[in-house]
């Protein structure tokens, strides 16, 4: 994965997190695509099918990890009460 692709992943994850926190709901596929497009423009990445695939796979892995951490944290909080 190139540095530009890693930068896009960081931008996408940050903007999706902010959007989700502000709206209180998970983003739609259209919103994810919009954040992806904006992030690519910000970084200056000309996207190929291969780079888009790498980026979306990485974003999906990071979201899955975050969901696992939130679930774990939620269970820990429930046990403390």
N, C-alpha and C. Protein backbone atom coordinates (compact mmCIF):
# COMPACT_ATOMS: atom_id res chain seq x y z
N UNK A 1 0.85 -1.17 0.00
CA UNK A 1 0.00 0.00 0.00
C UNK A 1 0.90 1.23 0.00
N UNK A 2 0.61 2.17 -0.88
CA UNK A 2 1.40 3.39 -0.98
C UNK A 2 1.06 4.34 0.16
N UNK A 3 1.92 5.32 0.36
CA UNK A 3 1.66 6.32 1.40
C UNK A 3 0.39 7.11 1.08
N UNK A 4 0.16 7.41 -0.19
CA UNK A 4 -1.05 8.15 -0.57
C UNK A 4 -2.30 7.34 -0.23
N UNK A 5 -2.25 6.03 -0.46
CA UNK A 5 -3.40 5.17 -0.11
C UNK A 5 -3.61 5.15 1.40
N UNK A 6 -2.51 5.07 2.15
CA UNK A 6 -2.62 5.10 3.61
C UNK A 6 -3.21 6.43 4.08
N UNK A 7 -2.83 7.52 3.43
CA UNK A 7 -3.39 8.83 3.78
C UNK A 7 -4.88 8.89 3.49
N UNK A 8 -5.29 8.29 2.38
CA UNK A 8 -6.73 8.25 2.05
C UNK A 8 -7.47 7.46 3.11
N UNK A 9 -6.92 6.32 3.52
CA UNK A 9 -7.56 5.51 4.56
C UNK A 9 -7.74 6.34 5.83
N UNK A 10 -6.71 7.04 6.25
CA UNK A 10 -6.80 7.88 7.45
C UNK A 10 -7.87 8.95 7.29
N UNK A 11 -7.90 9.61 6.14
CA UNK A 11 -8.90 10.65 5.90
C UNK A 11 -10.31 10.08 5.92
N UNK A 12 -10.50 8.95 5.24
CA UNK A 12 -11.83 8.33 5.19
C UNK A 12 -12.29 7.94 6.58
N UNK A 13 -11.44 7.28 7.34
CA UNK A 13 -11.83 6.86 8.68
C UNK A 13 -12.14 8.05 9.58
N UNK A 14 -11.34 9.09 9.50
CA UNK A 14 -11.58 10.27 10.32
C UNK A 14 -12.90 10.94 9.95
N UNK A 15 -13.13 11.12 8.66
CA UNK A 15 -14.36 11.81 8.25
C UNK A 15 -15.59 10.97 8.52
N UNK A 16 -15.49 9.64 8.37
CA UNK A 16 -16.63 8.77 8.70
C UNK A 16 -16.92 8.80 10.19
N UNK A 17 -15.88 8.82 11.01
CA UNK A 17 -16.07 8.86 12.46
C UNK A 17 -16.76 10.16 12.86
N UNK A 18 -16.30 11.26 12.32
CA UNK A 18 -16.92 12.56 12.64
C UNK A 18 -18.37 12.58 12.19
N UNK A 19 -18.61 12.12 10.98
CA UNK A 19 -19.97 12.10 10.45
C UNK A 19 -20.89 11.23 11.30
N UNK A 20 -20.40 10.06 11.69
CA UNK A 20 -21.22 9.15 12.50
C UNK A 20 -21.50 9.72 13.88
N UNK A 21 -20.50 10.37 14.47
CA UNK A 21 -20.72 10.98 15.78
C UNK A 21 -21.71 12.13 15.71
N UNK A 22 -21.64 12.91 14.64
CA UNK A 22 -22.55 14.05 14.50
C UNK A 22 -23.98 13.59 14.23
N UNK A 23 -24.15 12.56 13.39
CA UNK A 23 -25.49 12.13 13.02
C UNK A 23 -26.06 11.08 13.96
N UNK A 24 -25.18 10.34 14.61
CA UNK A 24 -25.64 9.29 15.51
C UNK A 24 -26.02 8.00 14.80
N UNK A 25 -25.79 7.94 13.50
CA UNK A 25 -26.12 6.73 12.73
C UNK A 25 -24.94 6.36 11.82
N UNK A 26 -24.94 5.12 11.40
CA UNK A 26 -23.88 4.65 10.50
C UNK A 26 -24.07 5.28 9.13
N UNK A 27 -22.99 5.59 8.44
CA UNK A 27 -23.10 6.21 7.12
C UNK A 27 -23.64 5.24 6.08
N UNK A 28 -24.32 5.78 5.08
CA UNK A 28 -24.82 4.99 3.97
C UNK A 28 -23.67 4.70 3.00
N UNK A 29 -23.91 3.81 2.07
CA UNK A 29 -22.91 3.51 1.05
C UNK A 29 -22.57 4.77 0.25
N UNK A 30 -23.57 5.59 -0.03
CA UNK A 30 -23.34 6.82 -0.77
C UNK A 30 -22.46 7.78 0.01
N UNK A 31 -22.66 7.86 1.31
CA UNK A 31 -21.84 8.73 2.14
C UNK A 31 -20.39 8.23 2.21
N UNK A 32 -20.22 6.92 2.29
CA UNK A 32 -18.87 6.36 2.29
C UNK A 32 -18.17 6.70 0.97
N UNK A 33 -18.89 6.54 -0.13
CA UNK A 33 -18.31 6.86 -1.44
C UNK A 33 -17.95 8.34 -1.52
N UNK A 34 -18.80 9.19 -0.97
CA UNK A 34 -18.54 10.63 -0.97
C UNK A 34 -17.28 10.95 -0.16
N UNK A 35 -17.15 10.38 1.03
CA UNK A 35 -15.97 10.60 1.87
C UNK A 35 -14.72 10.07 1.17
N UNK A 36 -14.84 8.93 0.49
CA UNK A 36 -13.73 8.36 -0.25
C UNK A 36 -13.28 9.31 -1.36
N UNK A 37 -14.24 9.82 -2.11
CA UNK A 37 -13.92 10.75 -3.20
C UNK A 37 -13.24 12.02 -2.67
N UNK A 38 -13.78 12.58 -1.62
CA UNK A 38 -13.19 13.79 -1.04
C UNK A 38 -11.78 13.52 -0.51
N UNK A 39 -11.59 12.37 0.11
CA UNK A 39 -10.27 12.03 0.64
C UNK A 39 -9.24 11.86 -0.47
N UNK A 40 -9.65 11.23 -1.57
CA UNK A 40 -8.73 11.06 -2.71
C UNK A 40 -8.35 12.41 -3.28
N UNK A 41 -9.32 13.32 -3.39
CA UNK A 41 -9.03 14.67 -3.88
C UNK A 41 -8.08 15.39 -2.94
N UNK A 42 -8.31 15.26 -1.64
CA UNK A 42 -7.48 15.93 -0.63
C UNK A 42 -6.03 15.47 -0.72
N UNK A 43 -5.84 14.17 -0.90
CA UNK A 43 -4.50 13.60 -0.95
C UNK A 43 -3.87 13.74 -2.34
N UNK A 44 -4.72 13.87 -3.36
CA UNK A 44 -4.22 13.96 -4.73
C UNK A 44 -3.99 12.61 -5.36
N UNK A 45 -4.73 11.61 -4.90
CA UNK A 45 -4.58 10.25 -5.40
C UNK A 45 -5.48 10.03 -6.60
N UNK A 46 -4.88 9.56 -7.71
CA UNK A 46 -5.66 9.13 -8.87
C UNK A 46 -5.94 7.65 -8.64
N UNK A 47 -7.21 7.33 -8.48
CA UNK A 47 -7.61 6.00 -8.04
C UNK A 47 -7.67 5.01 -9.20
N UNK A 48 -7.13 3.84 -8.95
CA UNK A 48 -7.30 2.71 -9.85
C UNK A 48 -8.18 1.69 -9.14
N UNK A 49 -8.63 0.71 -9.87
CA UNK A 49 -9.44 -0.34 -9.25
C UNK A 49 -8.65 -1.04 -8.15
N UNK A 50 -7.38 -1.29 -8.42
CA UNK A 50 -6.53 -1.97 -7.43
C UNK A 50 -6.34 -1.13 -6.17
N UNK A 51 -6.08 0.17 -6.34
CA UNK A 51 -5.87 1.02 -5.16
C UNK A 51 -7.17 1.19 -4.38
N UNK A 52 -8.29 1.31 -5.08
CA UNK A 52 -9.58 1.43 -4.39
C UNK A 52 -9.86 0.16 -3.58
N UNK A 53 -9.55 -0.98 -4.15
CA UNK A 53 -9.75 -2.25 -3.45
C UNK A 53 -8.89 -2.31 -2.20
N UNK A 54 -7.63 -1.94 -2.32
CA UNK A 54 -6.75 -1.95 -1.14
C UNK A 54 -7.27 -0.99 -0.07
N UNK A 55 -7.68 0.19 -0.49
CA UNK A 55 -8.16 1.20 0.47
C UNK A 55 -9.42 0.72 1.17
N UNK A 56 -10.39 0.23 0.41
CA UNK A 56 -11.65 -0.21 1.03
C UNK A 56 -11.46 -1.43 1.91
N UNK A 57 -10.56 -2.34 1.54
CA UNK A 57 -10.26 -3.48 2.41
C UNK A 57 -9.67 -3.01 3.73
N UNK A 58 -8.76 -2.06 3.66
CA UNK A 58 -8.14 -1.53 4.88
C UNK A 58 -9.16 -0.79 5.74
N UNK A 59 -10.01 0.03 5.11
CA UNK A 59 -11.06 0.75 5.84
C UNK A 59 -11.99 -0.25 6.53
N UNK A 60 -12.37 -1.29 5.81
CA UNK A 60 -13.28 -2.30 6.38
C UNK A 60 -12.64 -2.99 7.58
N UNK A 61 -11.35 -3.35 7.47
CA UNK A 61 -10.65 -3.98 8.60
C UNK A 61 -10.62 -3.07 9.82
N UNK A 62 -10.32 -1.79 9.58
CA UNK A 62 -10.25 -0.84 10.70
C UNK A 62 -11.61 -0.63 11.34
N UNK A 63 -12.67 -0.58 10.54
CA UNK A 63 -14.02 -0.43 11.09
C UNK A 63 -14.38 -1.66 11.91
N UNK A 64 -14.04 -2.84 11.39
CA UNK A 64 -14.32 -4.08 12.11
C UNK A 64 -13.59 -4.10 13.45
N UNK A 65 -12.32 -3.68 13.45
CA UNK A 65 -11.55 -3.62 14.70
C UNK A 65 -12.21 -2.66 15.69
N UNK A 66 -12.62 -1.51 15.19
CA UNK A 66 -13.25 -0.51 16.06
C UNK A 66 -14.55 -1.04 16.65
N UNK A 67 -15.34 -1.73 15.85
CA UNK A 67 -16.58 -2.30 16.35
C UNK A 67 -16.30 -3.34 17.43
N UNK A 68 -15.26 -4.14 17.22
CA UNK A 68 -14.90 -5.15 18.22
C UNK A 68 -14.48 -4.49 19.53
N UNK A 69 -13.69 -3.43 19.44
CA UNK A 69 -13.25 -2.72 20.64
C UNK A 69 -14.45 -2.10 21.34
N UNK A 70 -15.36 -1.50 20.59
CA UNK A 70 -16.55 -0.90 21.20
C UNK A 70 -17.42 -1.95 21.88
N UNK A 71 -17.57 -3.11 21.24
CA UNK A 71 -18.34 -4.18 21.85
C UNK A 71 -17.67 -4.66 23.13
N UNK A 72 -16.36 -4.83 23.08
CA UNK A 72 -15.62 -5.26 24.26
C UNK A 72 -15.74 -4.23 25.38
N UNK A 73 -15.58 -2.97 25.03
CA UNK A 73 -15.68 -1.88 26.02
C UNK A 73 -17.07 -1.84 26.60
N UNK A 74 -18.08 -2.03 25.77
CA UNK A 74 -19.47 -2.02 26.24
C UNK A 74 -19.73 -3.14 27.22
N UNK A 75 -19.19 -4.31 26.95
CA UNK A 75 -19.36 -5.44 27.87
C UNK A 75 -18.65 -5.17 29.19
N UNK A 76 -17.48 -4.58 29.12
CA UNK A 76 -16.74 -4.25 30.35
C UNK A 76 -17.50 -3.24 31.19
N UNK A 77 -18.09 -2.25 30.53
CA UNK A 77 -18.86 -1.24 31.23
C UNK A 77 -20.08 -1.86 31.88
N UNK A 78 -20.76 -2.79 31.18
CA UNK A 78 -21.93 -3.47 31.75
C UNK A 78 -21.55 -4.27 32.98
N UNK A 79 -20.40 -4.92 32.95
CA UNK A 79 -19.96 -5.74 34.07
C UNK A 79 -19.64 -4.90 35.30
N UNK A 80 -19.20 -3.67 35.09
CA UNK A 80 -18.84 -2.79 36.20
C UNK A 80 -20.08 -2.26 36.91
N UNK A 81 -21.21 -2.25 36.26
CA UNK A 81 -22.40 -1.66 36.86
C UNK A 81 -23.13 -2.61 37.75
